[in-house]
């Protein structure tokens, strides 16, 4: 089974250790996830957006290519091919202002593109393996507030507005709220017990 992980954090995947001013619980979750998937015999393909210097901005030339059903650039074409080979796709990012950060949004805009990974007329995905989509996020907002006050905008935008809309039915969201308020022991317990 091949899993493609799209990782979006400014500190990159290297921030999984507890090093002051260069640490991320999300990167620690990535490290744990990769270790467990490797142990289970899965093949992992990591797309580290910040380490790759991915440009999330859709330029006028990019939009012209997008409208013609062409990749916006060679990096995007490479990402698209890697997603075509995936049995599972995992998106990992911090939730900022209740939604996805710019890198992930730009990845969806440019990579999960019509004429490339979904058909513009039918809105059906062209990913023939029908990969399972997993979302692993961290946020400062309490879970109850995110769902009840803000209406869980990620579920609406990503599950309903992107993946369900293009007939990718298998979607699961793992969210870790207020991790910064947890003790080191509590964070270590989360990492130890986390399962996809």
Protein backbone atom coordinates (compact mmCIF):
# COMPACT_ATOMS: atom_id res chain seq x y z
CA UNK A 1 0.00 0.00 0.00
CA UNK A 2 1.35 3.41 -0.96
CA UNK A 3 0.68 6.44 1.23
CA UNK A 4 1.42 9.97 0.07
CA UNK A 5 1.75 12.49 2.90
CA UNK A 6 1.39 16.20 2.15
CA UNK A 7 3.05 17.99 5.05
CA UNK A 8 2.59 21.73 5.54
CA UNK A 9 4.51 23.43 8.34
CA UNK A 10 7.06 26.27 8.05
CA UNK A 11 9.57 24.36 10.20
CA UNK A 12 9.37 21.41 7.75
CA UNK A 13 9.41 17.72 8.64
CA UNK A 14 12.72 18.22 10.48
CA UNK A 15 10.94 19.82 13.46
CA UNK A 16 9.83 16.55 15.06
CA UNK A 17 12.32 16.68 17.91
CA UNK A 18 11.80 18.80 21.01
CA UNK A 19 14.29 21.52 20.00
CA UNK A 20 13.38 25.01 21.29
CA UNK A 21 12.38 27.49 18.57
CA UNK A 22 12.34 24.75 15.93
CA UNK A 23 9.77 22.25 17.13
CA UNK A 24 6.33 21.31 16.00
CA UNK A 25 3.91 18.80 17.47
CA UNK A 26 2.63 18.29 13.93
CA UNK A 27 6.14 17.24 12.84
CA UNK A 28 6.30 14.88 15.82
CA UNK A 29 2.97 13.40 14.65
CA UNK A 30 4.49 13.03 11.18
CA UNK A 31 7.50 11.19 12.58
CA UNK A 32 5.23 8.86 14.58
CA UNK A 33 2.91 8.29 11.62
CA UNK A 34 5.77 7.46 9.27
CA UNK A 35 7.33 5.05 11.78
CA UNK A 36 4.03 3.21 12.30
CA UNK A 37 3.26 3.01 8.56
CA UNK A 38 6.77 1.77 7.81
CA UNK A 39 6.43 -0.85 10.54
CA UNK A 40 3.16 -1.97 8.91
CA UNK A 41 5.03 -2.47 5.62
CA UNK A 42 3.57 0.51 3.77
CA UNK A 43 5.44 2.61 1.23
CA UNK A 44 5.55 6.29 2.16
CA UNK A 45 6.02 9.21 -0.20
CA UNK A 46 6.49 12.49 1.71
CA UNK A 47 5.70 15.81 0.06
CA UNK A 48 7.13 18.45 2.41
CA UNK A 49 5.72 21.66 0.91
CA UNK A 50 7.98 24.15 2.70
CA UNK A 51 11.13 22.07 2.20
CA UNK A 52 10.18 21.79 -1.51
CA UNK A 53 9.71 25.59 -1.72
CA UNK A 54 6.27 25.04 -3.23
CA UNK A 55 4.69 28.28 -4.47
CA UNK A 56 0.99 28.27 -3.51
CA UNK A 57 0.18 31.44 -5.48
CA UNK A 58 -1.88 30.97 -8.65
CA UNK A 59 -0.45 33.39 -11.22
CA UNK A 60 -2.19 34.49 -14.43
CA UNK A 61 -0.03 32.04 -16.42
CA UNK A 62 -0.81 29.26 -13.93
CA UNK A 63 -4.53 29.95 -14.27
CA UNK A 64 -4.28 29.81 -18.07
CA UNK A 65 -2.66 26.37 -17.84
CA UNK A 66 -5.18 25.28 -15.17
CA UNK A 67 -8.09 26.28 -17.45
CA UNK A 68 -6.56 24.29 -20.30
CA UNK A 69 -6.22 21.21 -18.09
CA UNK A 70 -2.43 21.45 -17.99
CA UNK A 71 -0.13 21.33 -14.96
CA UNK A 72 0.89 24.82 -13.85
CA UNK A 73 4.57 23.79 -13.68
CA UNK A 74 6.86 20.75 -13.51
CA UNK A 75 6.69 20.54 -9.70
CA UNK A 76 2.89 20.40 -9.85
CA UNK A 77 3.06 17.73 -12.58
CA UNK A 78 5.37 15.69 -10.33
CA UNK A 79 2.98 16.03 -7.36
CA UNK A 80 0.03 15.01 -9.55
CA UNK A 81 1.78 11.84 -10.69
CA UNK A 82 2.64 10.94 -7.12
CA UNK A 83 -1.02 11.34 -6.09
CA UNK A 84 -2.13 9.14 -9.00
CA UNK A 85 -0.05 6.31 -7.52
CA UNK A 86 -1.46 6.68 -3.99
CA UNK A 87 -3.70 4.24 -2.15
CA UNK A 88 -4.00 6.73 0.71
CA UNK A 89 -3.37 10.48 0.86
CA UNK A 90 -2.67 12.14 4.22
CA UNK A 91 -2.80 15.91 4.57
CA UNK A 92 -1.02 17.27 7.66
CA UNK A 93 -1.16 20.95 8.62
CA UNK A 94 -1.84 23.36 11.47
CA UNK A 95 -5.25 25.05 11.43
CA UNK A 96 -4.76 28.82 11.21
CA UNK A 97 -7.70 31.20 11.56
CA UNK A 98 -9.97 28.14 11.52
CA UNK A 99 -8.98 27.06 7.98
CA UNK A 100 -6.10 25.59 5.96
CA UNK A 101 -2.79 27.47 5.69
CA UNK A 102 -1.79 29.02 2.36
CA UNK A 103 0.51 26.18 1.28
CA UNK A 104 -2.21 23.53 1.60
CA UNK A 105 -4.81 25.76 -0.07
CA UNK A 106 -2.44 26.46 -2.94
CA UNK A 107 -1.63 22.75 -3.22
CA UNK A 108 -5.33 21.95 -3.59
CA UNK A 109 -5.85 24.80 -6.07
CA UNK A 110 -2.88 23.96 -8.28
CA UNK A 111 -2.40 20.19 -7.86
CA UNK A 112 -5.93 18.80 -7.38
CA UNK A 113 -6.84 20.44 -10.66
CA UNK A 114 -9.57 19.96 -13.25
CA UNK A 115 -8.49 18.11 -16.32
CA UNK A 116 -5.70 16.57 -14.28
CA UNK A 117 -7.04 14.91 -11.12
CA UNK A 118 -10.76 15.43 -11.64
CA UNK A 119 -12.99 15.70 -14.69
CA UNK A 120 -14.39 19.21 -15.16
CA UNK A 121 -17.75 18.06 -16.58
CA UNK A 122 -18.65 15.22 -14.24
CA UNK A 123 -16.66 16.54 -11.25
CA UNK A 124 -15.46 12.96 -10.73
CA UNK A 125 -11.95 12.25 -9.55
CA UNK A 126 -9.59 10.69 -12.06
CA UNK A 127 -7.61 9.04 -9.24
CA UNK A 128 -8.43 5.47 -10.27
CA UNK A 129 -7.29 3.95 -6.97
CA UNK A 130 -9.97 5.96 -5.10
CA UNK A 131 -7.48 6.72 -2.30
CA UNK A 132 -8.56 7.09 1.29
CA UNK A 133 -8.12 10.71 2.40
CA UNK A 134 -6.87 11.35 5.93
CA UNK A 135 -6.49 14.72 7.59
CA UNK A 136 -4.19 15.22 10.58
CA UNK A 137 -4.38 18.71 12.07
CA UNK A 138 -3.38 20.69 15.11
CA UNK A 139 -5.15 23.82 16.35
CA UNK A 140 -5.32 26.19 19.31
CA UNK A 141 -9.11 26.45 19.24
CA UNK A 142 -10.88 24.00 21.57
CA UNK A 143 -12.67 21.20 19.69
CA UNK A 144 -16.09 22.14 21.08
CA UNK A 145 -15.68 25.79 20.00
CA UNK A 146 -14.42 24.82 16.56
CA UNK A 147 -17.49 22.69 15.92
CA UNK A 148 -20.21 24.63 17.74
CA UNK A 149 -19.15 28.26 17.32
CA UNK A 150 -17.25 28.18 14.02
CA UNK A 151 -19.18 25.33 12.39
CA UNK A 152 -16.13 23.16 11.57
CA UNK A 153 -15.20 25.00 8.34
CA UNK A 154 -12.53 22.41 7.46
CA UNK A 155 -15.11 19.65 7.27
CA UNK A 156 -17.24 21.81 4.99
CA UNK A 157 -14.43 23.02 2.74
CA UNK A 158 -12.35 19.85 2.44
CA UNK A 159 -14.70 16.94 2.93
CA UNK A 160 -17.88 18.34 1.38
CA UNK A 161 -16.46 21.05 -0.89
CA UNK A 162 -13.48 19.18 -2.32
CA UNK A 163 -13.33 15.42 -1.79
CA UNK A 164 -16.99 14.41 -1.51
CA UNK A 165 -17.77 16.74 -4.41
CA UNK A 166 -15.29 14.84 -6.61
CA UNK A 167 -16.46 11.40 -5.38
CA UNK A 168 -13.62 10.61 -2.99
CA UNK A 169 -15.83 9.06 -0.34
CA UNK A 170 -13.32 7.72 2.22
CA UNK A 171 -12.36 10.66 4.45
CA UNK A 172 -11.22 10.71 8.07
CA UNK A 173 -10.11 13.66 10.18
CA UNK A 174 -7.80 13.38 13.21
CA UNK A 175 -7.63 16.71 15.06
CA UNK A 176 -5.42 17.60 18.03
CA UNK A 177 -6.67 20.73 19.76
CA UNK A 178 -4.86 22.88 22.31
CA UNK A 179 -1.72 20.73 22.25
CA UNK A 180 0.34 23.72 23.43
CA UNK A 181 -1.53 23.58 26.75
CA UNK A 182 -0.69 19.93 27.35
CA UNK A 183 2.27 18.72 29.36
CA UNK A 184 5.20 16.92 27.76
CA UNK A 185 3.93 13.65 29.26
CA UNK A 186 0.46 14.23 27.79
CA UNK A 187 1.92 14.98 24.35
CA UNK A 188 4.10 11.87 24.51
CA UNK A 189 1.02 9.80 25.38
CA UNK A 190 -0.82 11.20 22.37
CA UNK A 191 2.08 10.31 20.08
CA UNK A 192 2.42 6.83 21.55
CA UNK A 193 -1.30 6.04 21.21
CA UNK A 194 -2.02 7.66 17.85
CA UNK A 195 -3.40 5.31 15.19
CA UNK A 196 -4.66 5.94 11.67
